[in-house]
N, C-alpha and C. Protein backbone atom coordinates (compact mmCIF):
# COMPACT_ATOMS: atom_id res chain seq x y z
N MET A 1 1.06 -1.26 -0.01
CA MET A 1 0.32 0.50 -0.08
C MET A 1 0.77 1.44 -0.02
N GLU A 2 1.84 0.82 0.46
CA GLU A 2 2.71 2.45 0.94
C GLU A 2 2.87 2.68 -0.27
N ALA A 3 4.02 1.38 -0.04
CA ALA A 3 4.40 1.53 -2.20
C ALA A 3 4.15 1.80 -3.65
N ALA A 4 2.59 2.00 -3.16
CA ALA A 4 1.74 2.62 -4.34
C ALA A 4 1.50 4.00 -3.67
N SER A 5 1.69 4.21 -2.56
CA SER A 5 1.43 5.35 -2.90
C SER A 5 2.54 6.72 -2.92
N ILE A 6 3.68 6.03 -2.78
CA ILE A 6 4.94 6.37 -3.43
C ILE A 6 4.82 6.71 -4.31
N GLY A 7 4.89 5.71 -5.63
CA GLY A 7 4.47 5.49 -7.16
C GLY A 7 4.00 6.43 -7.88
N HIS A 8 2.78 6.21 -6.34
CA HIS A 8 1.28 7.57 -7.53
C HIS A 8 2.28 8.98 -6.74
N ALA A 9 2.74 8.56 -5.70
CA ALA A 9 3.12 10.58 -5.14
C ALA A 9 4.21 11.02 -6.57
N GLU A 10 4.80 10.05 -7.01
CA GLU A 10 6.44 9.98 -8.43
C GLU A 10 5.69 10.26 -9.23
N HIS A 11 4.92 10.34 -9.74
CA HIS A 11 3.90 10.46 -11.27
C HIS A 11 3.83 12.24 -11.29
N HIS A 12 4.48 12.48 -12.74
CA HIS A 12 4.11 14.63 -12.43
C HIS A 12 3.28 14.91 -13.85
N GLY A 13 2.57 15.20 -14.16
CA GLY A 13 2.73 16.11 -15.39
C GLY A 13 0.79 15.06 -16.10
N PRO A 14 -0.22 15.02 -16.78
CA PRO A 14 -1.03 14.39 -17.82
C PRO A 14 -1.24 12.51 -17.76
N PRO A 15 -2.31 12.49 -17.55
CA PRO A 15 -2.02 10.85 -17.37
C PRO A 15 -1.56 10.38 -19.10
N PRO A 16 -1.02 9.43 -19.64
CA PRO A 16 -0.50 8.75 -20.98
C PRO A 16 -1.59 9.12 -21.17
N ALA A 17 -1.65 9.74 -22.91
CA ALA A 17 -2.64 9.46 -23.70
C ALA A 17 -3.31 8.47 -24.50
N HIS A 18 -4.64 7.91 -24.56
CA HIS A 18 -4.92 6.47 -24.35
C HIS A 18 -4.56 6.44 -26.07
N ARG A 19 -4.46 5.01 -26.42
CA ARG A 19 -4.56 4.72 -27.89
C ARG A 19 -4.83 3.57 -28.37
N SER A 20 -5.03 3.56 -29.74
CA SER A 20 -6.35 2.54 -29.74
C SER A 20 -5.36 2.07 -30.54
N SER A 21 -5.90 0.23 -29.81
CA SER A 21 -5.41 -0.51 -30.89
C SER A 21 -5.84 -1.09 -31.95
N ARG A 22 -6.54 -0.79 -32.80
CA ARG A 22 -6.71 -0.46 -33.69
C ARG A 22 -6.24 -0.20 -34.95
N VAL A 23 -6.29 1.51 -34.79
CA VAL A 23 -6.41 2.51 -35.79
C VAL A 23 -4.55 3.38 -35.47
N GLU A 24 -3.20 3.43 -35.77
CA GLU A 24 -2.13 3.85 -35.07
C GLU A 24 -2.53 4.85 -36.10
N ALA A 25 -2.26 5.92 -34.88
CA ALA A 25 -2.50 8.30 -34.61
C ALA A 25 -1.99 8.35 -36.25
N PRO A 26 -1.10 7.85 -36.98
CA PRO A 26 -0.80 8.30 -38.47
C PRO A 26 -1.75 8.51 -39.73
N THR A 27 -2.06 7.33 -39.30
CA THR A 27 -3.10 6.42 -39.96
C THR A 27 -4.44 6.77 -40.47
N LEU A 28 -5.32 7.48 -38.28
CA LEU A 28 -5.35 7.99 -38.27
C LEU A 28 -6.12 9.38 -38.66
N GLY A 29 -4.94 9.72 -38.68
CA GLY A 29 -4.83 11.49 -38.91
C GLY A 29 -4.44 11.34 -40.33
N MET A 30 -4.62 11.10 -41.47
CA MET A 30 -4.18 10.63 -42.79
C MET A 30 -5.90 10.09 -43.22
N LEU A 31 -6.73 9.35 -42.48
CA LEU A 31 -7.66 9.74 -42.74
C LEU A 31 -8.76 10.89 -42.11
N LEU A 32 -8.48 11.59 -41.31
CA LEU A 32 -9.63 12.16 -40.85
C LEU A 32 -9.18 13.11 -42.26
N PHE A 33 -7.42 13.67 -42.09
CA PHE A 33 -7.82 14.29 -43.70
C PHE A 33 -8.71 14.27 -44.91
N ILE A 34 -8.21 12.77 -45.12
CA ILE A 34 -8.76 12.42 -46.49
C ILE A 34 -10.63 12.82 -46.26
N ILE A 35 -11.06 12.45 -45.09
CA ILE A 35 -12.08 13.23 -45.56
C ILE A 35 -12.84 15.07 -44.93
N SER A 36 -11.55 15.57 -44.65
CA SER A 36 -12.41 16.59 -45.07
C SER A 36 -11.23 17.27 -46.51
N GLU A 37 -11.37 16.20 -47.31
CA GLU A 37 -10.76 16.59 -48.63
C GLU A 37 -11.99 16.12 -49.34
N VAL A 38 -12.55 14.81 -48.87
CA VAL A 38 -13.80 14.38 -49.67
C VAL A 38 -14.83 15.82 -49.48
N MET A 39 -15.24 16.07 -48.69
CA MET A 39 -15.71 17.29 -48.81
C MET A 39 -15.44 18.34 -49.30
N ILE A 40 -14.39 19.07 -49.45
CA ILE A 40 -13.69 20.10 -50.54
C ILE A 40 -14.28 19.06 -51.75
N PHE A 41 -13.84 18.76 -52.22
CA PHE A 41 -14.36 17.63 -53.68
C PHE A 41 -15.60 17.86 -54.03
N GLY A 42 -16.78 17.10 -52.41
CA GLY A 42 -18.20 17.03 -52.75
C GLY A 42 -18.48 18.62 -53.00
N ALA A 43 -18.03 19.75 -52.69
CA ALA A 43 -18.84 21.02 -52.82
C ALA A 43 -18.51 21.52 -54.62
N PHE A 44 -17.38 21.18 -55.05
CA PHE A 44 -17.22 21.66 -56.77
C PHE A 44 -18.54 20.36 -57.16
N PHE A 45 -18.72 19.32 -56.75
CA PHE A 45 -19.81 18.54 -57.54
C PHE A 45 -21.01 19.03 -57.06
N THR A 46 -20.90 19.64 -56.28
CA THR A 46 -22.59 20.44 -55.64
C THR A 46 -22.34 21.39 -56.72
N ALA A 47 -21.25 22.07 -57.48
CA ALA A 47 -21.49 23.19 -58.25
C ALA A 47 -21.92 21.81 -59.55
N TYR A 48 -21.40 21.01 -60.14
CA TYR A 48 -21.50 19.94 -61.37
C TYR A 48 -22.78 19.76 -61.34
N PHE A 49 -23.62 19.37 -60.23
CA PHE A 49 -24.86 19.08 -60.17
C PHE A 49 -26.07 19.70 -60.33
N PHE A 50 -25.40 21.11 -59.66
CA PHE A 50 -26.19 21.73 -60.29
C PHE A 50 -26.54 22.53 -61.32
N ILE A 51 -25.62 22.45 -62.24
CA ILE A 51 -25.54 23.40 -63.45
C ILE A 51 -25.98 21.81 -64.22
N ARG A 52 -25.87 20.53 -64.14
CA ARG A 52 -26.92 19.37 -64.92
C ARG A 52 -27.47 18.96 -64.59
N ILE A 53 -28.54 19.21 -63.56
CA ILE A 53 -29.71 19.00 -63.28
C ILE A 53 -30.89 20.24 -62.89
N VAL A 54 -30.12 21.24 -61.90
CA VAL A 54 -31.23 22.10 -61.60
C VAL A 54 -31.33 22.88 -62.93
N THR A 55 -30.01 23.99 -63.50
CA THR A 55 -30.34 24.62 -64.46
C THR A 55 -30.38 23.85 -66.29
N LYS A 56 -30.16 22.41 -66.00
CA LYS A 56 -30.04 21.92 -67.09
C LYS A 56 -29.58 22.20 -68.28
N ASP A 57 -28.20 22.88 -68.20
CA ASP A 57 -27.52 23.44 -69.29
C ASP A 57 -26.32 21.91 -69.49
N PRO A 58 -26.48 22.14 -70.95
CA PRO A 58 -26.25 20.89 -71.46
C PRO A 58 -24.11 20.25 -71.25
N TRP A 59 -24.04 19.73 -70.72
CA TRP A 59 -22.57 19.38 -70.64
C TRP A 59 -22.37 18.02 -71.91
N PRO A 60 -21.07 18.60 -71.46
CA PRO A 60 -20.14 20.28 -71.42
C PRO A 60 -20.93 21.60 -73.34
N ALA A 61 -20.87 22.33 -72.40
CA ALA A 61 -21.44 23.65 -72.87
C ALA A 61 -21.20 23.29 -75.01
N HIS A 62 -22.09 23.73 -75.54
CA HIS A 62 -22.31 23.94 -76.73
C HIS A 62 -21.15 24.24 -77.75
N GLY A 63 -20.29 23.55 -78.46
CA GLY A 63 -19.35 23.90 -79.02
C GLY A 63 -17.99 23.97 -78.44
N THR A 64 -18.31 23.13 -77.49
CA THR A 64 -17.14 22.23 -76.83
C THR A 64 -17.10 20.98 -76.72
N THR A 65 -15.39 20.19 -76.34
CA THR A 65 -15.82 18.51 -76.42
C THR A 65 -14.44 18.80 -75.29
N VAL A 66 -15.60 17.35 -74.45
CA VAL A 66 -13.94 16.91 -73.10
C VAL A 66 -13.49 15.70 -74.39
N PRO A 67 -11.89 15.82 -73.49
CA PRO A 67 -11.13 14.35 -74.56
C PRO A 67 -12.22 12.74 -73.74
N GLU A 68 -12.39 12.28 -74.68
CA GLU A 68 -13.27 11.14 -73.34
C GLU A 68 -12.18 9.91 -73.66
N ALA A 69 -11.51 9.45 -74.30
CA ALA A 69 -10.17 8.74 -74.80
C ALA A 69 -9.64 8.80 -73.85
N VAL A 70 -9.17 10.11 -74.36
CA VAL A 70 -7.49 10.22 -73.45
C VAL A 70 -7.66 10.10 -72.17
N ALA A 71 -9.16 11.10 -70.98
CA ALA A 71 -8.96 10.88 -70.01
C ALA A 71 -9.60 9.19 -70.16
N GLY A 72 -9.75 8.76 -70.97
CA GLY A 72 -10.26 6.88 -70.33
C GLY A 72 -8.37 6.40 -70.32
N VAL A 73 -7.90 6.73 -71.11
CA VAL A 73 -6.33 6.25 -71.27
C VAL A 73 -5.68 6.32 -69.80
N ASN A 74 -5.48 7.63 -68.91
CA ASN A 74 -5.02 8.30 -68.01
C ASN A 74 -5.93 7.89 -66.88
N THR A 75 -6.89 7.54 -66.68
CA THR A 75 -7.68 7.20 -65.67
C THR A 75 -7.05 5.25 -66.01
N ALA A 76 -6.59 4.87 -67.03
CA ALA A 76 -6.41 3.49 -66.82
C ALA A 76 -4.74 3.41 -66.10
N ILE A 77 -3.87 4.88 -66.54
CA ILE A 77 -3.03 4.44 -66.07
C ILE A 77 -2.60 4.72 -64.70
N LEU A 78 -3.69 6.11 -64.36
CA LEU A 78 -3.51 5.71 -62.42
C LEU A 78 -3.66 4.79 -61.89
N LEU A 79 -5.24 4.04 -62.94
CA LEU A 79 -5.07 3.05 -62.07
C LEU A 79 -3.85 1.77 -61.21
N SER A 80 -3.68 2.01 -62.50
CA SER A 80 -2.63 0.68 -63.08
C SER A 80 -1.42 1.58 -61.29
N SER A 81 -1.38 3.11 -61.45
CA SER A 81 0.18 2.66 -60.21
C SER A 81 -0.40 2.68 -59.04
N SER A 82 -1.90 2.30 -58.40
CA SER A 82 -2.38 1.52 -57.68
C SER A 82 -1.87 0.18 -57.57
N LEU A 83 -2.06 0.01 -58.43
CA LEU A 83 -1.63 -1.85 -58.58
C LEU A 83 -0.03 -2.31 -58.13
N THR A 84 0.23 -1.25 -58.80
CA THR A 84 2.06 -0.96 -58.60
C THR A 84 2.48 -0.67 -57.00
N LEU A 85 1.42 0.71 -56.59
CA LEU A 85 1.76 0.72 -55.40
C LEU A 85 1.46 -0.63 -54.32
N HIS A 86 0.69 -1.23 -54.47
CA HIS A 86 -0.13 -2.71 -53.61
C HIS A 86 1.60 -3.09 -53.70
N TRP A 87 2.10 -3.70 -55.01
CA TRP A 87 2.94 -4.63 -54.90
C TRP A 87 4.20 -4.50 -54.24
N ALA A 88 4.31 -3.33 -53.99
CA ALA A 88 5.31 -2.64 -53.35
C ALA A 88 4.83 -2.36 -52.41
N LEU A 89 4.37 -3.17 -51.20
CA LEU A 89 3.80 -2.44 -50.09
C LEU A 89 4.08 -4.12 -49.52
N VAL A 90 3.21 -5.20 -50.45
CA VAL A 90 3.62 -6.34 -50.81
C VAL A 90 4.65 -7.19 -50.62
N SER A 91 5.80 -6.04 -52.10
CA SER A 91 6.94 -6.46 -51.68
C SER A 91 8.10 -6.38 -50.02
N VAL A 92 7.78 -5.04 -50.12
CA VAL A 92 8.46 -4.62 -47.98
C VAL A 92 7.92 -5.63 -47.29
N LYS A 93 6.42 -6.43 -47.23
CA LYS A 93 6.18 -7.05 -46.06
C LYS A 93 7.11 -7.98 -46.16
N THR A 94 7.48 -8.55 -47.77
CA THR A 94 8.02 -10.23 -47.59
C THR A 94 9.39 -10.40 -47.60
N GLY A 95 9.93 -8.45 -47.49
CA GLY A 95 11.30 -8.35 -47.62
C GLY A 95 11.79 -8.54 -48.88
N ASN A 96 11.68 -8.32 -50.65
CA ASN A 96 11.74 -8.24 -51.59
C ASN A 96 11.32 -6.91 -52.03
N ARG A 97 13.28 -6.89 -51.99
CA ARG A 97 13.53 -5.32 -52.07
C ARG A 97 13.64 -4.94 -53.60
N PHE A 98 13.67 -5.84 -54.10
CA PHE A 98 13.91 -5.67 -55.97
C PHE A 98 11.90 -5.22 -56.39
N GLY A 99 11.69 -5.69 -55.65
CA GLY A 99 9.96 -5.51 -56.15
C GLY A 99 9.57 -3.66 -54.98
N LEU A 100 10.12 -3.90 -54.13
CA LEU A 100 10.10 -2.52 -53.54
C LEU A 100 10.41 -1.41 -54.38
N LYS A 101 11.55 -1.65 -54.15
CA LYS A 101 11.61 -0.68 -55.12
C LYS A 101 11.51 -0.50 -57.12
N ALA A 102 11.10 -1.22 -57.58
CA ALA A 102 10.42 -1.14 -59.30
C ALA A 102 9.19 -1.20 -58.86
N GLY A 103 7.77 -1.46 -57.82
CA GLY A 103 7.00 -1.04 -57.19
C GLY A 103 7.20 0.57 -57.94
N MET A 104 7.97 1.18 -56.57
CA MET A 104 7.82 2.79 -55.96
C MET A 104 8.10 3.66 -56.84
N LEU A 105 9.01 3.19 -57.95
CA LEU A 105 9.77 3.67 -58.96
C LEU A 105 8.22 3.78 -59.97
N SER A 106 7.82 2.25 -60.59
CA SER A 106 6.68 2.76 -61.36
C SER A 106 5.78 3.46 -60.78
N THR A 107 5.33 3.39 -59.50
CA THR A 107 4.41 4.11 -59.15
C THR A 107 4.39 5.88 -59.33
N PHE A 108 5.37 6.24 -58.99
CA PHE A 108 6.39 7.32 -58.93
C PHE A 108 6.09 7.95 -61.11
N LEU A 109 6.60 7.29 -61.54
CA LEU A 109 6.41 7.02 -62.97
C LEU A 109 5.09 7.58 -63.79
N LEU A 110 4.31 6.39 -63.13
CA LEU A 110 2.99 6.25 -63.46
C LEU A 110 2.19 7.64 -63.53
N GLY A 111 2.19 7.97 -61.83
CA GLY A 111 1.16 9.39 -61.84
C GLY A 111 1.99 11.12 -62.13
N LEU A 112 3.73 10.64 -62.94
CA LEU A 112 4.30 11.62 -62.93
C LEU A 112 3.24 11.31 -65.32
N THR A 113 3.08 10.75 -65.30
CA THR A 113 2.74 10.48 -66.66
C THR A 113 0.96 10.90 -67.01
N PHE A 114 0.47 9.99 -65.43
CA PHE A 114 -0.87 11.20 -65.70
C PHE A 114 -1.15 12.33 -65.42
N LEU A 115 -0.31 13.05 -64.61
CA LEU A 115 0.01 14.95 -64.07
C LEU A 115 0.24 15.16 -66.15
N PHE A 116 1.49 14.86 -66.69
CA PHE A 116 1.82 15.52 -67.96
C PHE A 116 0.73 15.22 -69.00
N VAL A 117 0.18 13.80 -69.02
CA VAL A 117 -0.81 13.35 -69.85
C VAL A 117 -2.67 15.06 -69.52
N GLN A 118 -2.54 15.49 -68.16
CA GLN A 118 -3.80 16.13 -67.91
C GLN A 118 -3.03 17.47 -68.31
N ILE A 119 -1.37 17.85 -67.71
CA ILE A 119 -1.65 19.21 -68.32
C ILE A 119 -1.43 19.92 -69.91
N ASN A 120 -1.13 18.40 -70.64
CA ASN A 120 -1.46 18.25 -72.27
C ASN A 120 -2.88 18.70 -72.42
N GLU A 121 -3.53 17.80 -71.90
CA GLU A 121 -5.05 18.44 -71.84
C GLU A 121 -5.88 19.60 -71.98
N TYR A 122 -4.79 20.00 -71.09
CA TYR A 122 -5.75 21.56 -70.88
C TYR A 122 -5.09 22.51 -72.33
N ILE A 123 -4.15 21.98 -72.33
CA ILE A 123 -3.40 22.89 -73.34
C ILE A 123 -4.37 22.79 -74.77
N HIS A 124 -4.41 22.32 -75.42
CA HIS A 124 -5.10 21.79 -76.58
C HIS A 124 -6.31 21.68 -75.86
N ILE A 125 -7.30 21.63 -75.35
CA ILE A 125 -8.95 21.15 -74.95
C ILE A 125 -10.13 22.37 -75.41
N GLY A 126 -9.18 23.92 -76.05
CA GLY A 126 -10.46 24.22 -76.76
C GLY A 126 -10.97 25.74 -76.15
N PHE A 127 -11.18 25.30 -74.63
CA PHE A 127 -11.74 26.60 -73.83
C PHE A 127 -10.34 26.59 -73.24
N ALA A 128 -11.18 27.92 -72.11
CA ALA A 128 -10.69 28.10 -70.96
C ALA A 128 -11.53 27.93 -69.70
N PRO A 129 -11.38 28.83 -68.42
CA PRO A 129 -11.77 28.34 -67.31
C PRO A 129 -13.29 29.33 -66.99
N HIS A 130 -13.10 30.35 -67.96
CA HIS A 130 -13.46 32.14 -67.77
C HIS A 130 -14.25 31.58 -68.84
N ASP A 131 -14.72 30.67 -70.13
CA ASP A 131 -15.67 30.65 -71.19
C ASP A 131 -17.42 30.72 -70.61
N THR A 132 -17.28 29.34 -70.22
CA THR A 132 -18.84 29.65 -69.30
C THR A 132 -18.54 28.95 -67.96
N ALA A 133 -20.08 28.31 -67.67
CA ALA A 133 -20.02 27.74 -66.30
C ALA A 133 -19.61 26.28 -66.20
N GLN A 134 -19.62 25.50 -67.12
CA GLN A 134 -19.00 24.44 -67.55
C GLN A 134 -17.65 24.58 -67.40
N ALA A 135 -17.45 25.80 -68.01
CA ALA A 135 -16.04 25.33 -68.51
C ALA A 135 -15.10 25.46 -67.03
N THR A 136 -15.69 26.57 -66.24
CA THR A 136 -14.55 27.08 -65.03
C THR A 136 -14.93 25.45 -63.87
N VAL A 137 -16.32 25.11 -64.33
CA VAL A 137 -16.65 23.48 -63.24
C VAL A 137 -15.46 22.32 -63.42
N PHE A 138 -15.40 22.58 -64.67
CA PHE A 138 -14.51 21.69 -65.33
C PHE A 138 -13.04 21.74 -65.02
N TYR A 139 -12.63 22.80 -64.58
CA TYR A 139 -10.75 23.10 -64.90
C TYR A 139 -11.08 22.85 -62.94
N SER A 140 -11.95 23.51 -62.21
CA SER A 140 -12.27 23.52 -60.87
C SER A 140 -12.19 21.96 -60.53
N LEU A 141 -12.70 21.16 -61.20
CA LEU A 141 -12.73 19.71 -60.54
C LEU A 141 -11.82 18.82 -60.69
N THR A 142 -11.35 19.20 -62.64
CA THR A 142 -9.56 18.14 -62.68
C THR A 142 -8.74 18.92 -62.57
N GLY A 143 -8.74 20.13 -62.13
CA GLY A 143 -7.28 20.92 -61.49
C GLY A 143 -7.53 20.16 -59.70
N LEU A 144 -8.23 20.30 -59.10
CA LEU A 144 -7.80 20.37 -58.10
C LEU A 144 -8.04 18.74 -57.49
N HIS A 145 -8.15 17.94 -58.60
CA HIS A 145 -8.07 16.44 -58.29
C HIS A 145 -6.75 16.26 -58.66
N GLY A 146 -6.07 17.38 -59.38
CA GLY A 146 -4.32 18.07 -60.43
C GLY A 146 -3.26 18.50 -59.09
N ALA A 147 -3.87 19.59 -58.21
CA ALA A 147 -3.08 19.18 -57.17
C ALA A 147 -2.84 18.00 -56.45
N HIS A 148 -3.93 17.67 -55.90
CA HIS A 148 -3.48 15.68 -55.26
C HIS A 148 -3.01 15.88 -55.87
N VAL A 149 -3.18 15.44 -57.07
CA VAL A 149 -1.88 14.05 -58.01
C VAL A 149 -0.50 15.18 -57.24
N PHE A 150 -0.50 15.88 -57.34
CA PHE A 150 1.22 16.77 -57.53
C PHE A 150 1.46 16.43 -56.11
N ILE A 151 0.64 17.08 -55.35
CA ILE A 151 1.04 16.59 -53.58
C ILE A 151 1.28 14.45 -53.51
N GLY A 152 -0.12 14.41 -53.85
CA GLY A 152 1.18 12.65 -54.04
C GLY A 152 2.00 12.23 -54.36
N LEU A 153 2.27 12.70 -55.44
CA LEU A 153 4.03 12.71 -57.12
C LEU A 153 5.26 12.32 -55.69
N CYS A 154 4.92 14.18 -54.79
CA CYS A 154 5.79 14.50 -53.54
C CYS A 154 6.20 13.61 -52.58
N LEU A 155 4.75 13.23 -52.94
CA LEU A 155 4.67 12.40 -50.74
C LEU A 155 5.82 10.88 -51.71
N LEU A 156 5.44 10.26 -52.68
CA LEU A 156 5.79 9.48 -53.87
C LEU A 156 7.09 9.06 -53.97
N ALA A 157 8.10 10.31 -54.06
CA ALA A 157 9.31 10.59 -54.12
C ALA A 157 9.78 10.71 -53.05
N MET A 158 9.43 10.66 -51.85
CA MET A 158 10.40 10.69 -50.91
C MET A 158 10.14 9.05 -49.99
N VAL A 159 8.98 8.47 -50.61
CA VAL A 159 8.70 6.86 -50.13
C VAL A 159 9.80 6.43 -51.01
N SER A 160 10.18 6.90 -52.56
CA SER A 160 10.69 5.66 -53.63
C SER A 160 12.17 6.48 -52.86
N LEU A 161 12.82 7.69 -52.84
CA LEU A 161 13.51 7.93 -52.15
C LEU A 161 14.05 6.67 -51.26
N ARG A 162 13.54 6.85 -50.06
CA ARG A 162 13.43 6.02 -48.86
C ARG A 162 13.52 4.76 -49.68
N SER A 163 12.99 4.45 -49.81
CA SER A 163 13.43 2.62 -50.80
C SER A 163 14.29 2.22 -51.26
N PHE A 164 15.50 3.45 -51.55
CA PHE A 164 16.18 2.79 -52.34
C PHE A 164 17.92 3.17 -51.69
N ARG A 165 17.07 4.09 -50.31
CA ARG A 165 18.68 4.23 -49.17
C ARG A 165 18.34 3.21 -47.89
N GLY A 166 16.94 2.02 -48.37
CA GLY A 166 16.97 0.97 -47.50
C GLY A 166 16.17 1.06 -45.75
N HIS A 167 15.38 2.24 -46.47
CA HIS A 167 14.52 2.81 -44.83
C HIS A 167 13.36 1.75 -44.46
N TYR A 168 13.16 0.70 -45.16
CA TYR A 168 11.78 0.29 -45.44
C TYR A 168 12.45 -1.38 -44.61
N SER A 169 11.71 -2.13 -43.70
CA SER A 169 11.68 -3.59 -43.98
C SER A 169 10.19 -3.99 -43.43
N PRO A 170 10.59 -5.93 -43.97
CA PRO A 170 9.09 -6.13 -43.59
C PRO A 170 8.48 -5.67 -41.74
N GLU A 171 9.55 -5.27 -41.22
CA GLU A 171 9.31 -4.90 -39.98
C GLU A 171 8.98 -3.34 -39.35
N ASN A 172 8.95 -2.49 -40.63
CA ASN A 172 9.36 -1.29 -40.00
C ASN A 172 8.82 -0.91 -41.42
N HIS A 173 7.13 -0.56 -42.22
CA HIS A 173 6.98 0.50 -43.71
C HIS A 173 5.67 1.13 -43.26
N ARG A 174 5.57 1.93 -42.19
CA ARG A 174 4.94 2.51 -41.80
C ARG A 174 5.09 3.51 -42.51
N GLY A 175 5.57 3.74 -42.73
CA GLY A 175 5.97 5.42 -43.84
C GLY A 175 5.45 4.86 -45.23
N MET A 176 4.93 4.20 -45.50
CA MET A 176 4.28 3.75 -47.32
C MET A 176 3.44 3.58 -46.77
N GLU A 177 2.98 3.50 -45.85
CA GLU A 177 1.43 2.80 -45.94
C GLU A 177 1.19 4.28 -46.17
N VAL A 178 0.69 4.58 -44.87
CA VAL A 178 0.26 6.55 -44.87
C VAL A 178 0.34 7.13 -46.09
N PRO A 179 1.08 6.96 -46.97
CA PRO A 179 1.68 7.85 -47.93
C PRO A 179 0.16 6.97 -49.06
N GLY A 180 0.81 5.63 -49.28
CA GLY A 180 0.46 5.20 -49.53
C GLY A 180 -1.68 4.41 -49.92
N ILE A 181 -1.70 4.75 -48.65
CA ILE A 181 -3.77 5.30 -48.39
C ILE A 181 -3.72 6.45 -49.10
N TYR A 182 -3.23 7.50 -49.44
CA TYR A 182 -3.47 8.99 -49.66
C TYR A 182 -3.74 8.88 -51.09
N TRP A 183 -2.99 7.91 -51.95
CA TRP A 183 -2.40 8.07 -53.22
C TRP A 183 -3.53 6.62 -53.61
N HIS A 184 -4.38 6.18 -53.02
CA HIS A 184 -5.06 5.12 -53.54
C HIS A 184 -6.96 6.61 -53.66
N PHE A 185 -6.32 6.92 -52.70
CA PHE A 185 -8.05 8.27 -52.50
C PHE A 185 -7.63 8.60 -53.17
N VAL A 186 -6.18 9.65 -54.21
CA VAL A 186 -6.48 10.38 -55.22
C VAL A 186 -7.30 9.37 -56.33
N ASP A 187 -6.95 7.56 -56.65
CA ASP A 187 -6.85 7.17 -57.55
C ASP A 187 -8.56 6.76 -57.67
N ILE A 188 -8.89 6.56 -56.60
CA ILE A 188 -10.72 6.12 -56.85
C ILE A 188 -11.37 8.08 -56.21
N MET A 189 -10.99 8.62 -56.39
CA MET A 189 -11.58 9.93 -56.89
C MET A 189 -11.59 10.62 -58.09
N TRP A 190 -10.39 10.18 -58.22
CA TRP A 190 -10.06 10.32 -60.03
C TRP A 190 -11.30 9.15 -60.36
N VAL A 191 -11.29 8.49 -60.87
CA VAL A 191 -12.46 7.26 -61.12
C VAL A 191 -14.19 7.99 -61.23
N VAL A 192 -14.16 8.61 -59.44
CA VAL A 192 -15.59 9.41 -59.62
C VAL A 192 -15.36 10.60 -60.63
N VAL A 193 -14.26 11.41 -60.45
CA VAL A 193 -14.26 12.94 -61.75
C VAL A 193 -14.79 12.09 -63.01
N TYR A 194 -14.28 11.27 -63.59
CA TYR A 194 -13.84 11.16 -64.50
C TYR A 194 -15.20 9.99 -65.30
N THR A 195 -15.66 9.90 -63.92
CA THR A 195 -17.13 9.11 -64.58
C THR A 195 -18.05 10.37 -64.62
N THR A 196 -18.19 11.12 -64.01
CA THR A 196 -19.37 12.25 -64.10
C THR A 196 -18.35 13.47 -64.81
N VAL A 197 -17.56 13.61 -65.03
CA VAL A 197 -17.41 14.87 -65.71
C VAL A 197 -16.92 14.38 -67.82
N TYR A 198 -16.24 12.58 -68.17
CA TYR A 198 -16.35 13.28 -68.82
C TYR A 198 -17.09 11.94 -69.38
N VAL A 199 -17.89 10.86 -68.53
CA VAL A 199 -18.30 9.73 -69.20
C VAL A 199 -20.36 10.28 -68.82
N LEU A 200 -20.65 10.32 -68.07
CA LEU A 200 -21.90 10.93 -67.67
C LEU A 200 -22.66 11.89 -68.88
């Protein structure tokens, strides 16, 4: 009883923070961040559906077209990057150094290709953001996603560099998983953007 009292008296400061046994703090932080990003995309999708459903304006605007075929190929490129990222994560868990490096490098290059194609599309699409309301929403949605791709590429570049320097192992690869969650989110959001903006 006396020993317990002494131990209690020696404790200073707040009690230890409670940690969930199911979700690590970095993963939880990324998931909460993604939820906030979904809300941002939701605001732009609201404008999109307002134009198409409430005002019943044509999409795209008269005299303009959106490159469905090019966007479809770009979609395949971005989805492929999710597969190579998964390959890299599986490889690091099994101690496959080659698979880790090749997977991360492939993911980065595929993401970079996607962004290059998107920029090239802007150059040749034939209308500017200020031309029509439809053009404004088009550039806003695709541009917002492009900004997320750029951020994702910065994260992938850091992960790739650390992969080549041997910083990850089967026991320590949290630094890969958290950026990977973000990249998969970027891919999923593009499927939604592509379906609504280019296909429907």
